Amino acid sequence: MDTLEFNYFFKQLEYGKYIDETNFRFIDDPNEYDYFLGYIPKYEKPYWIGNCDVPNGCEFFTANELVNAQVFDGKSLKERWDKVRIINIYGICLEDWIKCCPQV
């Protein structure tokens, strides 16, 4: 397993638990570049993306802003979701994350 349905993933991102440090790739990227995103509640803008079109990454107030930001080769995560393959979430593989971490 290496992907989730977008609405399910988005719901988990909004929930903000056990989602920080989500590592993923786009299958159409020949360089297999790793991207990261997450949620850290202690910050004013708790949602973040690293390794994107914005130098040093970017931060957002909401999950909706994060998934719609056009920062992956000029497209949003939502637009490119069908090409996303998740490496791990919360530091564990996707299958273990689904088994071990409470979700909404």
Foldseek 3Di string as FASTA:
>chain_A
DWADDVVQVLQQQQVQPQFAFWWKAFQVDPVRDIKTWGADPVDCQGTWIPPWQDVRTDGHNGSVCQQQDLTHPRGGCVVRVVRITTCPGSPDGPVVCVVPPDGD
